Amino acid sequence: MIVLSDYLILSAIVFCIGLAGIFINRTNIIMLLMCVELILAAVNTNFIAFSYFGSDIAGQIFVFFILTVAAAEVAIGLAILTLVYRNRGSIDVDVTNSLKG
């Protein structure tokens, strides 16, 4: 049987992979967005695990809100990246650094 600590270890591993991806790869914006999604998936795993083992449905409700925000983030982020690529010809972080106010 799978216990709570197994879910927490899996979530910690996925979270660390996402965090390492953000720190290691700072040039590709698409990779940064994927690493943020990995971090959100790790958080969702924690919410679901605690909700299941605590017999409370609140964690599962939070997961739906997080998934909704993540979907909106990806849609808006990819739309911005598409426009930046059309205007600048590249989506490197150094090129998009000119978006500062």
C-alpha atoms as a PDB file:
ATOM      1  CA  MET A   1       0.000   0.000   0.000  1.00  0.00           C
ATOM      2  CA  ILE A   2       1.159   3.496  -0.780  1.00  0.00           C
ATOM      3  CA  VAL A   3       1.452   5.744   2.258  1.00  0.00           C
ATOM      4  CA  LEU A   4       1.463   9.521   2.592  1.00  0.00           C
ATOM      5  CA  SER A   5       5.242   9.752   2.760  1.00  0.00           C
ATOM      6  CA  ASP A   6       5.527   8.162  -0.699  1.00  0.00           C
ATOM      7  CA  TYR A   7       3.409  10.938  -2.201  1.00  0.00           C
ATOM      8  CA  LEU A   8       5.368  13.591  -0.347  1.00  0.00           C
ATOM      9  CA  ILE A   9       8.694  12.183  -1.546  1.00  0.00           C
ATOM     10  CA  LEU A  10       7.428  12.089  -5.141  1.00  0.00           C
ATOM     11  CA  SER A  11       6.168  15.639  -4.814  1.00  0.00           C
ATOM     12  CA  ALA A  12       9.478  16.833  -3.359  1.00  0.00           C
ATOM     13  CA  ILE A  13      11.401  15.220  -6.223  1.00  0.00           C
ATOM     14  CA  VAL A  14       9.169  16.833  -8.866  1.00  0.00           C
ATOM     15  CA  PHE A  15       9.387  20.189  -7.069  1.00  0.00           C
ATOM     16  CA  CYS A  16      13.192  20.011  -6.948  1.00  0.00           C
ATOM     17  CA  ILE A  17      13.364  19.123 -10.649  1.00  0.00           C
ATOM     18  CA  GLY A  18      11.223  22.153 -11.485  1.00  0.00           C
ATOM     19  CA  LEU A  19      13.251  24.428  -9.216  1.00  0.00           C
ATOM     20  CA  ALA A  20      16.543  23.160 -10.625  1.00  0.00           C
ATOM     21  CA  GLY A  21      15.225  23.701 -14.145  1.00  0.00           C
ATOM     22  CA  ILE A  22      14.454  27.316 -13.342  1.00  0.00           C
ATOM     23  CA  PHE A  23      17.906  27.962 -11.873  1.00  0.00           C
ATOM     24  CA  ILE A  24      19.872  26.030 -14.505  1.00  0.00           C
ATOM     25  CA  ASN A  25      18.069  27.173 -17.652  1.00  0.00           C
ATOM     26  CA  ARG A  26      17.442  30.895 -17.635  1.00  0.00           C
ATOM     27  CA  THR A  27      17.604  31.486 -21.369  1.00  0.00           C
ATOM     28  CA  ASN A  28      14.640  29.572 -22.793  1.00  0.00           C
ATOM     29  CA  ILE A  29      11.278  30.969 -21.754  1.00  0.00           C
ATOM     30  CA  ILE A  30       9.334  27.864 -22.776  1.00  0.00           C
ATOM     31  CA  MET A  31      11.498  25.734 -20.480  1.00  0.00           C
ATOM     32  CA  LEU A  32      10.876  28.208 -17.667  1.00  0.00           C
ATOM     33  CA  LEU A  33       7.125  27.885 -18.153  1.00  0.00           C
ATOM     34  CA  MET A  34       7.388  24.088 -18.135  1.00  0.00           C
ATOM     35  CA  CYS A  35       9.390  24.194 -14.901  1.00  0.00           C
ATOM     36  CA  VAL A  36       6.741  26.393 -13.291  1.00  0.00           C
ATOM     37  CA  GLU A  37       4.153  23.829 -14.357  1.00  0.00           C
ATOM     38  CA  LEU A  38       6.221  21.081 -12.711  1.00  0.00           C
ATOM     39  CA  ILE A  39       6.261  23.070  -9.481  1.00  0.00           C
ATOM     40  CA  LEU A  40       2.500  23.524  -9.642  1.00  0.00           C
ATOM     41  CA  ALA A  41       2.067  19.788 -10.287  1.00  0.00           C
ATOM     42  CA  ALA A  42       4.117  19.044  -7.155  1.00  0.00           C
ATOM     43  CA  VAL A  43       1.931  21.369  -5.114  1.00  0.00           C
ATOM     44  CA  ASN A  44      -1.191  19.729  -6.524  1.00  0.00           C
ATOM     45  CA  THR A  45       0.168  16.315  -5.583  1.00  0.00           C
ATOM     46  CA  ASN A  46       0.626  17.505  -2.008  1.00  0.00           C
ATOM     47  CA  PHE A  47      -2.896  18.909  -1.869  1.00  0.00           C
ATOM     48  CA  ILE A  48      -4.436  15.706  -3.207  1.00  0.00           C
ATOM     49  CA  ALA A  49      -2.375  13.467  -0.924  1.00  0.00           C
ATOM     50  CA  PHE A  50      -3.242  15.425   2.202  1.00  0.00           C
ATOM     51  CA  SER A  51      -6.864  15.631   1.112  1.00  0.00           C
ATOM     52  CA  TYR A  52      -7.080  11.878   0.555  1.00  0.00           C
ATOM     53  CA  PHE A  53      -5.322  10.828   3.739  1.00  0.00           C
ATOM     54  CA  GLY A  54      -7.058  13.494   5.827  1.00  0.00           C
ATOM     55  CA  SER A  55     -10.521  12.623   4.471  1.00  0.00           C
ATOM     56  CA  ASP A  56     -11.158  16.255   3.580  1.00  0.00           C
ATOM     57  CA  ILE A  57     -12.257  17.516   0.179  1.00  0.00           C
ATOM     58  CA  ALA A  58     -10.830  21.048   0.550  1.00  0.00           C
ATOM     59  CA  GLY A  59      -7.470  20.060  -0.940  1.00  0.00           C
ATOM     60  CA  GLN A  60      -9.120  18.715  -4.063  1.00  0.00           C
ATOM     61  CA  ILE A  61     -11.052  21.954  -4.474  1.00  0.00           C
ATOM     62  CA  PHE A  62      -7.794  23.931  -4.241  1.00  0.00           C
ATOM     63  CA  VAL A  63      -6.360  21.728  -6.982  1.00  0.00           C
ATOM     64  CA  PHE A  64      -9.161  22.743  -9.347  1.00  0.00           C
ATOM     65  CA  PHE A  65      -8.423  26.420  -8.673  1.00  0.00           C
ATOM     66  CA  ILE A  66      -4.698  25.905  -9.218  1.00  0.00           C
ATOM     67  CA  LEU A  67      -5.320  24.030 -12.483  1.00  0.00           C
ATOM     68  CA  THR A  68      -7.567  26.849 -13.680  1.00  0.00           C
ATOM     69  CA  VAL A  69      -4.948  29.494 -12.918  1.00  0.00           C
ATOM     70  CA  ALA A  70      -2.209  27.348 -14.501  1.00  0.00           C
ATOM     71  CA  ALA A  71      -4.223  26.932 -17.699  1.00  0.00           C
ATOM     72  CA  ALA A  72      -4.786  30.684 -17.908  1.00  0.00           C
ATOM     73  CA  GLU A  73      -1.088  31.289 -17.239  1.00  0.00           C
ATOM     74  CA  VAL A  74      -0.036  28.980 -20.055  1.00  0.00           C
ATOM     75  CA  ALA A  75      -2.531  30.457 -22.521  1.00  0.00           C
ATOM     76  CA  ILE A  76      -1.512  34.046 -21.813  1.00  0.00           C
ATOM     77  CA  GLY A  77       2.183  33.207 -21.593  1.00  0.00           C
ATOM     78  CA  LEU A  78       2.216  31.413 -24.930  1.00  0.00           C
ATOM     79  CA  ALA A  79       0.255  34.231 -26.553  1.00  0.00           C
ATOM     80  CA  ILE A  80       2.811  36.754 -25.306  1.00  0.00           C
ATOM     81  CA  LEU A  81       5.670  34.536 -26.455  1.00  0.00           C
ATOM     82  CA  THR A  82       4.133  34.214 -29.912  1.00  0.00           C
ATOM     83  CA  LEU A  83       3.864  37.988 -30.237  1.00  0.00           C
ATOM     84  CA  VAL A  84       7.410  38.525 -28.981  1.00  0.00           C
ATOM     85  CA  TYR A  85       8.706  35.938 -31.455  1.00  0.00           C
ATOM     86  CA  ARG A  86       6.882  37.629 -34.328  1.00  0.00           C
ATOM     87  CA  ASN A  87       8.259  41.058 -33.403  1.00  0.00           C
ATOM     88  CA  ARG A  88      11.800  40.166 -32.294  1.00  0.00           C
ATOM     89  CA  GLY A  89      12.540  36.888 -34.080  1.00  0.00           C
ATOM     90  CA  SER A  90      13.674  35.154 -30.895  1.00  0.00           C
ATOM     91  CA  ILE A  91      12.261  34.160 -27.508  1.00  0.00           C
ATOM     92  CA  ASP A  92      15.510  34.183 -25.568  1.00  0.00           C
ATOM     93  CA  VAL A  93      15.341  35.899 -22.193  1.00  0.00           C
ATOM     94  CA  ASP A  94      18.124  38.302 -23.191  1.00  0.00           C
ATOM     95  CA  VAL A  95      16.141  39.477 -26.205  1.00  0.00           C
ATOM     96  CA  THR A  96      12.905  39.865 -24.259  1.00  0.00           C
ATOM     97  CA  ASN A  97      14.726  41.859 -21.585  1.00  0.00           C
ATOM     98  CA  SER A  98      13.674  44.970 -23.506  1.00  0.00           C
ATOM     99  CA  LEU A  99      10.103  44.511 -22.221  1.00  0.00           C
ATOM    100  CA  LYS A 100      11.063  46.276 -18.990  1.00  0.00           C
ATOM    101  CA  GLY A 101       9.112  49.490 -18.399  1.00  0.00           C
END
